[in-house]
Structure formats: structure tokens, C-alpha cells
Amino acid sequence: KKNDFELSVSVFVNDKPSFKNECALKDIIKDIHLGSLLTPTKLKELSCIGESNIRYLDARNIQNGDIKEDMLKLKGQSSEYTKSLSKKGDLIISRCASPIKVTVNNRDEDIVISGNMYSITIDTTKANPYYLSYFFNSELGRNILNMNATGIAIKQLNFSAIEKVIIPLPSLEEQDKLVLKA
């Protein structure tokens, strides 16, 4: 990248890379769900300033693969968003590719994710969610996600595109070592 121009050939060529130990994401996903489709009015109604163990995460709260502290606080356990909770250890991926953002929920409080995000529970006997986050935040990982996104004006990842993403998947031991080095 130079001057915000993408110079990587893989962005312009639709050849998907192949890897020695490749794996489709569908083979390591235990559960995947889309976030809450709260309207701005409803979100304002549910937000609070005081104490709360529930936070609202949208793509603006993810920077360089990390969750920023300034998430909106939400009231109580509203039935309108309990199905959109992300569990600790879940991989979180934004739907829109401008740019696609990826992180791991490493928070102790409940996190409600926005409707523009997926919360993915990974089978941790096969893959380390932090390895996946580091991979998808690399240039190669971002390119692979972008190649799988669809759309003309605004590219998005849908469920089937996420499941079909092919990634390099070394042994769990090797993934853990890579995570420790990062």
C-alpha cells in the first residue's frame, strides 16, 4: 500500500490462493449469527450512561483488530437483543467490505453486536480464534475476505461466502505458538 492505493495483485486478480494445510471456515464454525438490527431510535432508547454490563459493538469500535473501550452501554437484558450477544472468544467479522473488520470478543461483559457484524463461535479443538483474527487482519487475510465479498457499489460478506472462505490452518499447537508471538 502506498498513498492509500492498493497495490496488491490479488485484489485485482480473482485467483484464490491455495495453502498446504487449507481449511474451509465451515469446517471449524460451531455457530454463526448476525448482529442486532436495532434502529437508531431504539438504540438511543436502550442506551444508558450509568453502570451496565452490556455493551453495543459496531464496526467503528474495532481498530487494528482490537475492540476500543468507548462502546455504547445498554440497559438491562432486553429481549430485543439477547439473540445478538457475542460470547467471549467468538470471532467477530463485519459484513461490509469497506474495510472488513475482524476481532475476537475478549470482553467479560455481554456484547451486543450491530446488524452489520457476524459473531462466529469457532470449534476451539480445531482452531484458535485469535489465530484467525490475526490472519484476517493480515494483508493476505484481508484480500481473501475481499475476494469472497459480493456486490457492486458496496461489497458484503454473506453467510455462505464466510463458510466458503479457505484459509491456511496449521496444527492447533502451531496456531497457539503464532498467537503467542503476535
C-alpha atoms as a PDB file:
ATOM      1  CA  LYS A   1       0.000   0.000   0.000  1.00  0.00           C
ATOM      2  CA  LYS A   2       1.208   3.453  -0.822  1.00  0.00           C
ATOM      3  CA  ASN A   3      -0.795   6.675  -0.517  1.00  0.00           C
ATOM      4  CA  ASP A   4      -3.951   4.642   0.258  1.00  0.00           C
ATOM      5  CA  PHE A   5      -3.800   2.857  -3.107  1.00  0.00           C
ATOM      6  CA  GLU A   6      -3.982  -0.942  -3.024  1.00  0.00           C
ATOM      7  CA  LEU A   7      -1.054  -2.321  -4.993  1.00  0.00           C
ATOM      8  CA  SER A   8      -1.615  -5.999  -4.249  1.00  0.00           C
ATOM      9  CA  VAL A   9      -2.194  -8.064  -7.390  1.00  0.00           C
ATOM     10  CA  SER A  10      -4.563 -10.423  -5.552  1.00  0.00           C
ATOM     11  CA  VAL A  11      -7.110  -7.596  -5.213  1.00  0.00           C
ATOM     12  CA  PHE A  12      -7.359  -7.324  -8.995  1.00  0.00           C
ATOM     13  CA  VAL A  13      -6.924 -10.956  -9.965  1.00  0.00           C
ATOM     14  CA  ASN A  14      -9.658 -13.346  -8.897  1.00  0.00           C
ATOM     15  CA  ASP A  15      -7.326 -16.321  -8.415  1.00  0.00           C
ATOM     16  CA  LYS A  16      -7.814 -17.627  -4.917  1.00  0.00           C
ATOM     17  CA  PRO A  17      -4.630 -18.793  -3.224  1.00  0.00           C
ATOM     18  CA  SER A  18      -4.134 -22.371  -2.165  1.00  0.00           C
ATOM     19  CA  PHE A  19      -2.406 -23.453   1.008  1.00  0.00           C
ATOM     20  CA  LYS A  20      -0.577 -26.529   2.240  1.00  0.00           C
ATOM     21  CA  ASN A  21      -2.969 -27.165   5.156  1.00  0.00           C
ATOM     22  CA  GLU A  22      -6.066 -25.414   3.901  1.00  0.00           C
ATOM     23  CA  CYS A  23      -9.478 -25.480   5.509  1.00  0.00           C
ATOM     24  CA  ALA A  24     -12.897 -24.027   4.705  1.00  0.00           C
ATOM     25  CA  LEU A  25     -14.249 -21.905   7.540  1.00  0.00           C
ATOM     26  CA  LYS A  26     -17.444 -24.001   7.562  1.00  0.00           C
ATOM     27  CA  ASP A  27     -15.341 -26.907   8.885  1.00  0.00           C
ATOM     28  CA  ILE A  28     -14.360 -25.014  12.034  1.00  0.00           C
ATOM     29  CA  ILE A  29     -17.524 -22.966  12.701  1.00  0.00           C
ATOM     30  CA  LYS A  30     -19.798 -24.191  15.502  1.00  0.00           C
ATOM     31  CA  ASP A  31     -22.276 -21.298  15.256  1.00  0.00           C
ATOM     32  CA  ILE A  32     -22.661 -18.083  13.297  1.00  0.00           C
ATOM     33  CA  HIS A  33     -25.227 -15.339  13.707  1.00  0.00           C
ATOM     34  CA  LEU A  34     -25.833 -11.829  12.529  1.00  0.00           C
ATOM     35  CA  GLY A  35     -25.995  -8.969  14.996  1.00  0.00           C
ATOM     36  CA  SER A  36     -28.957  -6.938  16.174  1.00  0.00           C
ATOM     37  CA  LEU A  37     -30.909  -4.853  13.690  1.00  0.00           C
ATOM     38  CA  LEU A  38     -31.706  -2.103  16.203  1.00  0.00           C
ATOM     39  CA  THR A  39     -32.874   1.153  14.670  1.00  0.00           C
ATOM     40  CA  PRO A  40     -31.024   4.306  15.738  1.00  0.00           C
ATOM     41  CA  THR A  41     -34.155   5.371  17.666  1.00  0.00           C
ATOM     42  CA  LYS A  42     -34.371   2.051  19.529  1.00  0.00           C
ATOM     43  CA  LEU A  43     -30.616   2.066  20.192  1.00  0.00           C
ATOM     44  CA  LYS A  44     -30.901   5.544  21.724  1.00  0.00           C
ATOM     45  CA  GLU A  45     -33.815   4.338  23.867  1.00  0.00           C
ATOM     46  CA  LEU A  46     -31.819   1.319  25.124  1.00  0.00           C
ATOM     47  CA  SER A  47     -28.574   3.202  25.780  1.00  0.00           C
ATOM     48  CA  CYS A  48     -27.559   4.333  29.243  1.00  0.00           C
ATOM     49  CA  ILE A  49     -24.849   6.405  30.905  1.00  0.00           C
ATOM     50  CA  GLY A  50     -24.632   4.628  34.282  1.00  0.00           C
ATOM     51  CA  GLU A  51     -23.464   1.159  35.217  1.00  0.00           C
ATOM     52  CA  SER A  52     -24.139  -1.605  32.733  1.00  0.00           C
ATOM     53  CA  ASN A  53     -22.546  -4.947  31.890  1.00  0.00           C
ATOM     54  CA  ILE A  54     -23.899  -4.847  28.350  1.00  0.00           C
ATOM     55  CA  ARG A  55     -22.051  -3.076  25.537  1.00  0.00           C
ATOM     56  CA  TYR A  56     -23.005  -2.376  21.921  1.00  0.00           C
ATOM     57  CA  LEU A  57     -20.294  -3.051  19.338  1.00  0.00           C
ATOM     58  CA  ASP A  58     -20.288  -1.725  15.808  1.00  0.00           C
ATOM     59  CA  ALA A  59     -17.515  -1.537  13.224  1.00  0.00           C
ATOM     60  CA  ARG A  60     -16.385   1.899  14.475  1.00  0.00           C
ATOM     61  CA  ASN A  61     -15.389   0.254  17.770  1.00  0.00           C
ATOM     62  CA  ILE A  62     -12.875  -2.066  16.075  1.00  0.00           C
ATOM     63  CA  GLN A  63      -9.446  -0.610  15.329  1.00  0.00           C
ATOM     64  CA  ASN A  64      -6.482  -2.684  14.129  1.00  0.00           C
ATOM     65  CA  GLY A  65      -8.132  -5.922  15.257  1.00  0.00           C
ATOM     66  CA  ASP A  66      -8.868  -4.646  18.786  1.00  0.00           C
ATOM     67  CA  ILE A  67     -12.099  -3.594  20.472  1.00  0.00           C
ATOM     68  CA  LYS A  68     -11.949   0.025  21.633  1.00  0.00           C
ATOM     69  CA  GLU A  69     -13.189   0.892  25.122  1.00  0.00           C
ATOM     70  CA  ASP A  70     -15.750   3.516  24.090  1.00  0.00           C
ATOM     71  CA  MET A  71     -18.628   1.168  23.273  1.00  0.00           C
ATOM     72  CA  LEU A  72     -22.177   2.298  23.967  1.00  0.00           C
ATOM     73  CA  LYS A  73     -23.688   0.936  27.211  1.00  0.00           C
ATOM     74  CA  LEU A  74     -27.113  -0.722  27.030  1.00  0.00           C
ATOM     75  CA  LYS A  75     -29.818  -1.152  29.661  1.00  0.00           C
ATOM     76  CA  GLY A  76     -30.910  -4.467  31.197  1.00  0.00           C
ATOM     77  CA  GLN A  77     -31.495  -7.697  29.295  1.00  0.00           C
ATOM     78  CA  SER A  78     -33.891  -6.532  26.587  1.00  0.00           C
ATOM     79  CA  SER A  79     -35.346  -9.468  24.666  1.00  0.00           C
ATOM     80  CA  GLU A  80     -34.764  -7.393  21.531  1.00  0.00           C
ATOM     81  CA  TYR A  81     -31.049  -8.087  21.569  1.00  0.00           C
ATOM     82  CA  THR A  82     -30.302 -11.140  23.693  1.00  0.00           C
ATOM     83  CA  LYS A  83     -30.129 -13.228  20.494  1.00  0.00           C
ATOM     84  CA  SER A  84     -27.424 -10.877  19.192  1.00  0.00           C
ATOM     85  CA  LEU A  85     -24.978 -11.392  22.040  1.00  0.00           C
ATOM     86  CA  SER A  86     -21.421 -12.331  21.184  1.00  0.00           C
ATOM     87  CA  LYS A  87     -19.783 -14.734  23.615  1.00  0.00           C
ATOM     88  CA  LYS A  88     -16.261 -14.308  24.930  1.00  0.00           C
ATOM     89  CA  GLY A  89     -13.902 -15.982  22.450  1.00  0.00           C
ATOM     90  CA  ASP A  90     -16.187 -15.507  19.434  1.00  0.00           C
ATOM     91  CA  LEU A  91     -14.670 -14.234  16.198  1.00  0.00           C
ATOM     92  CA  ILE A  92     -16.419 -11.042  15.059  1.00  0.00           C
ATOM     93  CA  ILE A  93     -16.401 -10.077  11.372  1.00  0.00           C
ATOM     94  CA  SER A  94     -18.069  -7.050   9.798  1.00  0.00           C
ATOM     95  CA  ARG A  95     -20.305  -7.689   6.793  1.00  0.00           C
ATOM     96  CA  CYS A  96     -19.345  -4.649   4.732  1.00  0.00           C
ATOM     97  CA  ALA A  97     -16.034  -4.619   2.927  1.00  0.00           C
ATOM     98  CA  SER A  98     -15.032  -1.034   3.382  1.00  0.00           C
ATOM     99  CA  PRO A  99     -12.836  -2.315   5.026  1.00  0.00           C
ATOM    100  CA  ILE A 100     -13.898  -5.606   6.582  1.00  0.00           C
ATOM    101  CA  LYS A 101     -13.015  -5.563  10.277  1.00  0.00           C
ATOM    102  CA  VAL A 102     -12.180  -8.637  12.341  1.00  0.00           C
ATOM    103  CA  THR A 103     -11.589  -9.115  16.064  1.00  0.00           C
ATOM    104  CA  VAL A 104     -12.110 -11.600  18.891  1.00  0.00           C
ATOM    105  CA  ASN A 105     -14.540 -10.859  21.695  1.00  0.00           C
ATOM    106  CA  ASN A 106     -12.147 -10.826  24.643  1.00  0.00           C
ATOM    107  CA  ARG A 107     -14.527  -8.980  26.958  1.00  0.00           C
ATOM    108  CA  ASP A 108     -16.078 -10.225  30.199  1.00  0.00           C
ATOM    109  CA  GLU A 109     -19.251  -8.166  29.799  1.00  0.00           C
ATOM    110  CA  ASP A 110     -22.014  -9.060  27.361  1.00  0.00           C
ATOM    111  CA  ILE A 111     -21.531  -7.576  23.907  1.00  0.00           C
ATOM    112  CA  VAL A 112     -24.440  -6.970  21.561  1.00  0.00           C
ATOM    113  CA  ILE A 113     -23.104  -6.732  18.019  1.00  0.00           C
ATOM    114  CA  SER A 114     -24.601  -4.466  15.372  1.00  0.00           C
ATOM    115  CA  GLY A 115     -26.539  -5.836  12.425  1.00  0.00           C
ATOM    116  CA  ASN A 116     -23.506  -5.182  10.259  1.00  0.00           C
ATOM    117  CA  MET A 117     -21.494  -7.873  12.034  1.00  0.00           C
ATOM    118  CA  TYR A 118     -21.314 -11.633  12.438  1.00  0.00           C
ATOM    119  CA  SER A 119     -20.443 -13.379  15.685  1.00  0.00           C
ATOM    120  CA  ILE A 120     -18.817 -16.715  14.941  1.00  0.00           C
ATOM    121  CA  THR A 121     -18.236 -19.411  17.533  1.00  0.00           C
ATOM    122  CA  ILE A 122     -15.179 -21.386  16.486  1.00  0.00           C
ATOM    123  CA  ASP A 123     -14.551 -25.047  17.320  1.00  0.00           C
ATOM    124  CA  THR A 124     -11.540 -24.466  19.557  1.00  0.00           C
ATOM    125  CA  THR A 125     -10.464 -28.094  19.224  1.00  0.00           C
ATOM    126  CA  LYS A 126      -9.599 -27.222  15.610  1.00  0.00           C
ATOM    127  CA  ALA A 127      -8.741 -23.519  15.535  1.00  0.00           C
ATOM    128  CA  ASN A 128      -7.653 -20.680  17.774  1.00  0.00           C
ATOM    129  CA  PRO A 129      -9.962 -17.655  17.221  1.00  0.00           C
ATOM    130  CA  TYR A 130      -7.014 -15.295  17.857  1.00  0.00           C
ATOM    131  CA  TYR A 131      -5.025 -17.008  15.083  1.00  0.00           C
ATOM    132  CA  LEU A 132      -7.988 -16.440  12.746  1.00  0.00           C
ATOM    133  CA  SER A 133      -8.239 -12.792  13.766  1.00  0.00           C
ATOM    134  CA  TYR A 134      -4.507 -12.212  13.208  1.00  0.00           C
ATOM    135  CA  PHE A 135      -4.718 -13.987   9.850  1.00  0.00           C
ATOM    136  CA  PHE A 136      -7.755 -11.999   8.649  1.00  0.00           C
ATOM    137  CA  ASN A 137      -6.111  -8.751   9.772  1.00  0.00           C
ATOM    138  CA  SER A 138      -3.050  -9.532   7.621  1.00  0.00           C
ATOM    139  CA  GLU A 139      -2.839  -8.328   4.025  1.00  0.00           C
ATOM    140  CA  LEU A 140      -3.416 -11.852   2.696  1.00  0.00           C
ATOM    141  CA  GLY A 141      -6.361 -12.428   5.047  1.00  0.00           C
ATOM    142  CA  ARG A 142      -7.995  -9.099   4.111  1.00  0.00           C
ATOM    143  CA  ASN A 143      -7.551  -9.908   0.414  1.00  0.00           C
ATOM    144  CA  ILE A 144      -9.159 -13.336   0.861  1.00  0.00           C
ATOM    145  CA  LEU A 145     -12.168 -11.825   2.661  1.00  0.00           C
ATOM    146  CA  ASN A 146     -12.494  -9.141  -0.016  1.00  0.00           C
ATOM    147  CA  MET A 147     -12.332 -11.762  -2.792  1.00  0.00           C
ATOM    148  CA  ASN A 148     -15.253 -13.574  -1.148  1.00  0.00           C
ATOM    149  CA  ALA A 149     -17.357 -10.435  -0.679  1.00  0.00           C
ATOM    150  CA  THR A 150     -20.084  -9.783  -3.247  1.00  0.00           C
ATOM    151  CA  GLY A 151     -21.777  -6.660  -4.551  1.00  0.00           C
ATOM    152  CA  ILE A 152     -21.107  -3.794  -6.915  1.00  0.00           C
ATOM    153  CA  ALA A 153     -21.309  -0.490  -5.015  1.00  0.00           C
ATOM    154  CA  ILE A 154     -20.902  -1.928  -1.520  1.00  0.00           C
ATOM    155  CA  LYS A 155     -19.247  -5.323  -1.200  1.00  0.00           C
ATOM    156  CA  GLN A 156     -20.548  -7.523   1.611  1.00  0.00           C
ATOM    157  CA  LEU A 157     -19.844 -10.924   3.095  1.00  0.00           C
ATOM    158  CA  ASN A 158     -22.874 -13.177   3.399  1.00  0.00           C
ATOM    159  CA  PHE A 159     -23.208 -16.413   5.403  1.00  0.00           C
ATOM    160  CA  SER A 160     -22.374 -18.712   2.502  1.00  0.00           C
ATOM    161  CA  ALA A 161     -19.368 -16.591   1.468  1.00  0.00           C
ATOM    162  CA  ILE A 162     -17.949 -16.779   5.000  1.00  0.00           C
ATOM    163  CA  GLU A 163     -18.415 -20.547   5.134  1.00  0.00           C
ATOM    164  CA  LYS A 164     -16.606 -20.969   1.796  1.00  0.00           C
ATOM    165  CA  VAL A 165     -13.555 -18.906   2.760  1.00  0.00           C
ATOM    166  CA  ILE A 166     -10.442 -21.071   2.508  1.00  0.00           C
ATOM    167  CA  ILE A 167      -7.650 -20.376   4.986  1.00  0.00           C
ATOM    168  CA  PRO A 168      -4.304 -21.867   5.925  1.00  0.00           C
ATOM    169  CA  LEU A 169      -4.843 -23.892   9.096  1.00  0.00           C
ATOM    170  CA  PRO A 170      -1.688 -25.220  10.715  1.00  0.00           C
ATOM    171  CA  SER A 171      -1.940 -27.544  13.712  1.00  0.00           C
ATOM    172  CA  LEU A 172      -3.566 -26.097  16.822  1.00  0.00           C
ATOM    173  CA  GLU A 173      -0.170 -26.208  18.537  1.00  0.00           C
ATOM    174  CA  GLU A 174       1.372 -24.130  15.727  1.00  0.00           C
ATOM    175  CA  GLN A 175      -1.561 -21.676  15.808  1.00  0.00           C
ATOM    176  CA  ASP A 176      -1.058 -21.201  19.554  1.00  0.00           C
ATOM    177  CA  LYS A 177       2.658 -20.527  19.013  1.00  0.00           C
ATOM    178  CA  LEU A 178       1.883 -17.949  16.324  1.00  0.00           C
ATOM    179  CA  VAL A 179      -0.619 -16.218  18.616  1.00  0.00           C
ATOM    180  CA  LEU A 180       1.948 -16.026  21.408  1.00  0.00           C
ATOM    181  CA  LYS A 181       4.465 -14.424  19.020  1.00  0.00           C
ATOM    182  CA  ALA A 182       1.983 -11.755  17.891  1.00  0.00           C
END
